[in-house]
Amino acid sequence: MDKIAGLLALMYVKDVDDKEAAALKLDAIGFTSRQIAALLDVGPNYVNVARQRRNGRR
């Protein structure tokens, strides 16, 4: 992933305490599961589960 994009992404979610919420914010702006996982130090499956939970709430 481009270092600048990663830095901007981290700045975008810096005030979000919940990793799941941060993952969803990054997902909403187009980052892939792998990219989000690398940025937040979680597994790609964590991001996929967050997406499923979000979609289940609708």
PDB file of N, CA and C in Angstrom:
ATOM      1  N   MET A   1       0.857  -1.177   0.000  1.00  0.00           N
ATOM      2  CA  MET A   1       0.000   0.000   0.000  1.00  0.00           C
ATOM      3  C   MET A   1       0.896   1.232   0.000  1.00  0.00           C
ATOM      4  N   ASP A   2       0.443   2.218  -0.660  1.00  0.00           N
ATOM      5  CA  ASP A   2       1.183   3.466  -0.721  1.00  0.00           C
ATOM      6  C   ASP A   2       1.311   4.051   0.688  1.00  0.00           C
ATOM      7  N   LYS A   3       2.505   4.449   1.050  1.00  0.00           N
ATOM      8  CA  LYS A   3       2.749   4.967   2.406  1.00  0.00           C
ATOM      9  C   LYS A   3       1.944   6.228   2.701  1.00  0.00           C
ATOM     10  N   ILE A   4       1.791   7.078   1.721  1.00  0.00           N
ATOM     11  CA  ILE A   4       1.036   8.315   1.942  1.00  0.00           C
ATOM     12  C   ILE A   4      -0.430   7.998   2.191  1.00  0.00           C
ATOM     13  N   ALA A   5      -0.984   7.079   1.409  1.00  0.00           N
ATOM     14  CA  ALA A   5      -2.381   6.693   1.603  1.00  0.00           C
ATOM     15  C   ALA A   5      -2.575   6.078   2.984  1.00  0.00           C
ATOM     16  N   GLY A   6      -1.633   5.268   3.414  1.00  0.00           N
ATOM     17  CA  GLY A   6      -1.711   4.667   4.743  1.00  0.00           C
ATOM     18  C   GLY A   6      -1.665   5.719   5.846  1.00  0.00           C
ATOM     19  N   LEU A   7      -0.792   6.673   5.691  1.00  0.00           N
ATOM     20  CA  LEU A   7      -0.682   7.748   6.671  1.00  0.00           C
ATOM     21  C   LEU A   7      -1.967   8.569   6.735  1.00  0.00           C
ATOM     22  N   LEU A   8      -2.507   8.913   5.579  1.00  0.00           N
ATOM     23  CA  LEU A   8      -3.761   9.672   5.532  1.00  0.00           C
ATOM     24  C   LEU A   8      -4.911   8.869   6.150  1.00  0.00           C
ATOM     25  N   ALA A   9      -4.927   7.571   5.899  1.00  0.00           N
ATOM     26  CA  ALA A   9      -5.974   6.720   6.470  1.00  0.00           C
ATOM     27  C   ALA A   9      -5.886   6.713   7.990  1.00  0.00           C
ATOM     28  N   LEU A  10      -4.692   6.594   8.522  1.00  0.00           N
ATOM     29  CA  LEU A  10      -4.531   6.599   9.977  1.00  0.00           C
ATOM     30  C   LEU A  10      -4.927   7.937  10.581  1.00  0.00           C
ATOM     31  N   MET A  11      -4.642   9.013   9.872  1.00  0.00           N
ATOM     32  CA  MET A  11      -5.061  10.333  10.353  1.00  0.00           C
ATOM     33  C   MET A  11      -6.587  10.444  10.334  1.00  0.00           C
ATOM     34  N   TYR A  12      -7.222   9.842   9.343  1.00  0.00           N
ATOM     35  CA  TYR A  12      -8.676   9.874   9.201  1.00  0.00           C
ATOM     36  C   TYR A  12      -9.378   9.190  10.371  1.00  0.00           C
ATOM     37  N   VAL A  13      -8.762   8.147  10.922  1.00  0.00           N
ATOM     38  CA  VAL A  13      -9.408   7.381  12.005  1.00  0.00           C
ATOM     39  C   VAL A  13      -8.709   7.576  13.355  1.00  0.00           C
ATOM     40  N   LYS A  14      -7.853   8.566  13.474  1.00  0.00           N
ATOM     41  CA  LYS A  14      -7.068   8.728  14.697  1.00  0.00           C
ATOM     42  C   LYS A  14      -7.912   8.954  15.944  1.00  0.00           C
ATOM     43  N   ASP A  15      -9.076   9.567  15.809  1.00  0.00           N
ATOM     44  CA  ASP A  15      -9.921   9.838  16.970  1.00  0.00           C
ATOM     45  C   ASP A  15     -10.941   8.743  17.241  1.00  0.00           C
ATOM     46  N   VAL A  16     -10.915   7.685  16.463  1.00  0.00           N
ATOM     47  CA  VAL A  16     -11.848   6.574  16.646  1.00  0.00           C
ATOM     48  C   VAL A  16     -11.201   5.555  17.573  1.00  0.00           C
ATOM     49  N   ASP A  17     -11.806   5.323  18.736  1.00  0.00           N
ATOM     50  CA  ASP A  17     -11.232   4.403  19.714  1.00  0.00           C
ATOM     51  C   ASP A  17     -11.528   2.939  19.382  1.00  0.00           C
ATOM     52  N   ASP A  18     -12.645   2.688  18.741  1.00  0.00           N
ATOM     53  CA  ASP A  18     -13.092   1.332  18.443  1.00  0.00           C
ATOM     54  C   ASP A  18     -12.512   0.885  17.095  1.00  0.00           C
ATOM     55  N   LYS A  19     -11.768  -0.226  17.092  1.00  0.00           N
ATOM     56  CA  LYS A  19     -11.151  -0.698  15.856  1.00  0.00           C
ATOM     57  C   LYS A  19     -12.196  -1.100  14.821  1.00  0.00           C
ATOM     58  N   GLU A  20     -13.320  -1.635  15.291  1.00  0.00           N
ATOM     59  CA  GLU A  20     -14.364  -2.028  14.349  1.00  0.00           C
ATOM     60  C   GLU A  20     -14.916  -0.797  13.624  1.00  0.00           C
ATOM     61  N   ALA A  21     -15.161   0.264  14.354  1.00  0.00           N
ATOM     62  CA  ALA A  21     -15.653   1.506  13.741  1.00  0.00           C
ATOM     63  C   ALA A  21     -14.616   2.081  12.791  1.00  0.00           C
ATOM     64  N   ALA A  22     -13.351   2.018  13.169  1.00  0.00           N
ATOM     65  CA  ALA A  22     -12.283   2.507  12.299  1.00  0.00           C
ATOM     66  C   ALA A  22     -12.222   1.676  11.015  1.00  0.00           C
ATOM     67  N   ALA A  23     -12.364   0.370  11.172  1.00  0.00           N
ATOM     68  CA  ALA A  23     -12.346  -0.516  10.001  1.00  0.00           C
ATOM     69  C   ALA A  23     -13.479  -0.168   9.047  1.00  0.00           C
ATOM     70  N   LEU A  24     -14.655   0.112   9.588  1.00  0.00           N
ATOM     71  CA  LEU A  24     -15.800   0.441   8.744  1.00  0.00           C
ATOM     72  C   LEU A  24     -15.631   1.794   8.059  1.00  0.00           C
ATOM     73  N   LYS A  25     -15.013   2.736   8.746  1.00  0.00           N
ATOM     74  CA  LYS A  25     -14.751   4.044   8.119  1.00  0.00           C
ATOM     75  C   LYS A  25     -13.788   3.884   6.945  1.00  0.00           C
ATOM     76  N   LEU A  26     -12.744   3.090   7.142  1.00  0.00           N
ATOM     77  CA  LEU A  26     -11.775   2.875   6.069  1.00  0.00           C
ATOM     78  C   LEU A  26     -12.396   2.072   4.927  1.00  0.00           C
ATOM     79  N   ASP A  27     -13.268   1.147   5.264  1.00  0.00           N
ATOM     80  CA  ASP A  27     -13.983   0.381   4.249  1.00  0.00           C
ATOM     81  C   ASP A  27     -14.855   1.310   3.407  1.00  0.00           C
ATOM     82  N   ALA A  28     -15.495   2.249   4.061  1.00  0.00           N
ATOM     83  CA  ALA A  28     -16.398   3.170   3.365  1.00  0.00           C
ATOM     84  C   ALA A  28     -15.675   4.054   2.348  1.00  0.00           C
ATOM     85  N   ILE A  29     -14.386   4.289   2.561  1.00  0.00           N
ATOM     86  CA  ILE A  29     -13.664   5.134   1.608  1.00  0.00           C
ATOM     87  C   ILE A  29     -12.843   4.308   0.609  1.00  0.00           C
ATOM     88  N   GLY A  30     -13.033   2.986   0.636  1.00  0.00           N
ATOM     89  CA  GLY A  30     -12.481   2.168  -0.433  1.00  0.00           C
ATOM     90  C   GLY A  30     -11.257   1.327  -0.165  1.00  0.00           C
ATOM     91  N   PHE A  31     -10.796   1.250   1.069  1.00  0.00           N
ATOM     92  CA  PHE A  31      -9.656   0.382   1.367  1.00  0.00           C
ATOM     93  C   PHE A  31     -10.101  -1.077   1.361  1.00  0.00           C
ATOM     94  N   THR A  32      -9.209  -1.966   0.980  1.00  0.00           N
ATOM     95  CA  THR A  32      -9.513  -3.397   0.977  1.00  0.00           C
ATOM     96  C   THR A  32      -9.360  -3.966   2.388  1.00  0.00           C
ATOM     97  N   SER A  33      -9.882  -5.170   2.569  1.00  0.00           N
ATOM     98  CA  SER A  33      -9.759  -5.835   3.873  1.00  0.00           C
ATOM     99  C   SER A  33      -8.304  -5.980   4.286  1.00  0.00           C
ATOM    100  N   ARG A  34      -7.453  -6.353   3.345  1.00  0.00           N
ATOM    101  CA  ARG A  34      -6.026  -6.538   3.657  1.00  0.00           C
ATOM    102  C   ARG A  34      -5.364  -5.227   4.049  1.00  0.00           C
ATOM    103  N   GLN A  35      -5.708  -4.170   3.351  1.00  0.00           N
ATOM    104  CA  GLN A  35      -5.132  -2.860   3.664  1.00  0.00           C
ATOM    105  C   GLN A  35      -5.582  -2.386   5.043  1.00  0.00           C
ATOM    106  N   ILE A  36      -6.868  -2.535   5.327  1.00  0.00           N
ATOM    107  CA  ILE A  36      -7.402  -2.127   6.624  1.00  0.00           C
ATOM    108  C   ILE A  36      -6.766  -2.948   7.732  1.00  0.00           C
ATOM    109  N   ALA A  37      -6.660  -4.239   7.509  1.00  0.00           N
ATOM    110  CA  ALA A  37      -6.057  -5.119   8.503  1.00  0.00           C
ATOM    111  C   ALA A  37      -4.623  -4.695   8.814  1.00  0.00           C
ATOM    112  N   ALA A  38      -3.870  -4.361   7.787  1.00  0.00           N
ATOM    113  CA  ALA A  38      -2.480  -3.934   7.987  1.00  0.00           C
ATOM    114  C   ALA A  38      -2.413  -2.617   8.758  1.00  0.00           C
ATOM    115  N   LEU A  39      -3.308  -1.701   8.440  1.00  0.00           N
ATOM    116  CA  LEU A  39      -3.306  -0.395   9.106  1.00  0.00           C
ATOM    117  C   LEU A  39      -3.695  -0.493  10.574  1.00  0.00           C
ATOM    118  N   LEU A  40      -4.664  -1.362  10.884  1.00  0.00           N
ATOM    119  CA  LEU A  40      -5.192  -1.443  12.248  1.00  0.00           C
ATOM    120  C   LEU A  40      -4.587  -2.580  13.072  1.00  0.00           C
ATOM    121  N   ASP A  41      -3.679  -3.322  12.465  1.00  0.00           N
ATOM    122  CA  ASP A  41      -3.030  -4.456  13.137  1.00  0.00           C
ATOM    123  C   ASP A  41      -4.059  -5.487  13.603  1.00  0.00           C
ATOM    124  N   VAL A  42      -4.936  -5.863  12.676  1.00  0.00           N
ATOM    125  CA  VAL A  42      -5.916  -6.919  12.901  1.00  0.00           C
ATOM    126  C   VAL A  42      -5.861  -7.843  11.689  1.00  0.00           C
ATOM    127  N   GLY A  43      -6.576  -8.949  11.762  1.00  0.00           N
ATOM    128  CA  GLY A  43      -6.629  -9.853  10.625  1.00  0.00           C
ATOM    129  C   GLY A  43      -7.676  -9.418   9.618  1.00  0.00           C
ATOM    130  N   PRO A  44      -7.520  -9.812   8.352  1.00  0.00           N
ATOM    131  CA  PRO A  44      -8.512  -9.464   7.343  1.00  0.00           C
ATOM    132  C   PRO A  44      -9.906  -9.980   7.691  1.00  0.00           C
ATOM    133  N   ASN A  45      -9.966 -11.112   8.379  1.00  0.00           N
ATOM    134  CA  ASN A  45     -11.259 -11.660   8.770  1.00  0.00           C
ATOM    135  C   ASN A  45     -11.973 -10.728   9.748  1.00  0.00           C
ATOM    136  N   TYR A  46     -11.233 -10.031  10.583  1.00  0.00           N
ATOM    137  CA  TYR A  46     -11.816  -9.064  11.517  1.00  0.00           C
ATOM    138  C   TYR A  46     -12.610  -8.005  10.747  1.00  0.00           C
ATOM    139  N   VAL A  47     -12.034  -7.556   9.654  1.00  0.00           N
ATOM    140  CA  VAL A  47     -12.686  -6.544   8.825  1.00  0.00           C
ATOM    141  C   VAL A  47     -13.936  -7.123   8.177  1.00  0.00           C
ATOM    142  N   ASN A  48     -13.840  -8.349   7.686  1.00  0.00           N
ATOM    143  CA  ASN A  48     -14.996  -8.993   7.059  1.00  0.00           C
ATOM    144  C   ASN A  48     -16.132  -9.187   8.051  1.00  0.00           C
ATOM    145  N   VAL A  49     -15.815  -9.553   9.277  1.00  0.00           N
ATOM    146  CA  VAL A  49     -16.838  -9.722  10.312  1.00  0.00           C
ATOM    147  C   VAL A  49     -17.475  -8.372  10.640  1.00  0.00           C
ATOM    148  N   ALA A  50     -16.681  -7.324  10.705  1.00  0.00           N
ATOM    149  CA  ALA A  50     -17.219  -5.981  10.961  1.00  0.00           C
ATOM    150  C   ALA A  50     -18.208  -5.591   9.865  1.00  0.00           C
ATOM    151  N   ARG A  51     -17.876  -5.904   8.634  1.00  0.00           N
ATOM    152  CA  ARG A  51     -18.782  -5.619   7.506  1.00  0.00           C
ATOM    153  C   ARG A  51     -20.091  -6.385   7.652  1.00  0.00           C
ATOM    154  N   GLN A  52     -19.979  -7.649   8.012  1.00  0.00           N
ATOM    155  CA  GLN A  52     -21.181  -8.473   8.171  1.00  0.00           C
ATOM    156  C   GLN A  52     -22.054  -7.956   9.293  1.00  0.00           C
ATOM    157  N   ARG A  53     -21.449  -7.551  10.389  1.00  0.00           N
ATOM    158  CA  ARG A  53     -22.215  -6.985  11.495  1.00  0.00           C
ATOM    159  C   ARG A  53     -22.935  -5.715  11.078  1.00  0.00           C
ATOM    160  N   ARG A  54     -22.232  -4.855  10.356  1.00  0.00           N
ATOM    161  CA  ARG A  54     -22.838  -3.620   9.854  1.00  0.00           C
ATOM    162  C   ARG A  54     -24.030  -3.932   8.963  1.00  0.00           C
ATOM    163  N   ASN A  55     -23.865  -4.877   8.066  1.00  0.00           N
ATOM    164  CA  ASN A  55     -24.938  -5.210   7.152  1.00  0.00           C
ATOM    165  C   ASN A  55     -26.102  -5.889   7.858  1.00  0.00           C
ATOM    166  N   GLY A  56     -25.827  -6.567   8.952  1.00  0.00           N
ATOM    167  CA  GLY A  56     -26.887  -7.223   9.719  1.00  0.00           C
ATOM    168  C   GLY A  56     -27.727  -6.249  10.514  1.00  0.00           C
ATOM    169  N   ARG A  57     -27.189  -5.062  10.796  1.00  0.00           N
ATOM    170  CA  ARG A  57     -27.898  -4.055  11.593  1.00  0.00           C
ATOM    171  C   ARG A  57     -28.941  -3.313  10.785  1.00  0.00           C
ATOM    172  N   ARG A  58     -28.859  -3.389   9.477  1.00  0.00           N
ATOM    173  CA  ARG A  58     -29.789  -2.645   8.622  1.00  0.00           C
ATOM    174  C   ARG A  58     -31.159  -3.260   8.623  1.00  0.00           C
TER     175      ARG A  58
END
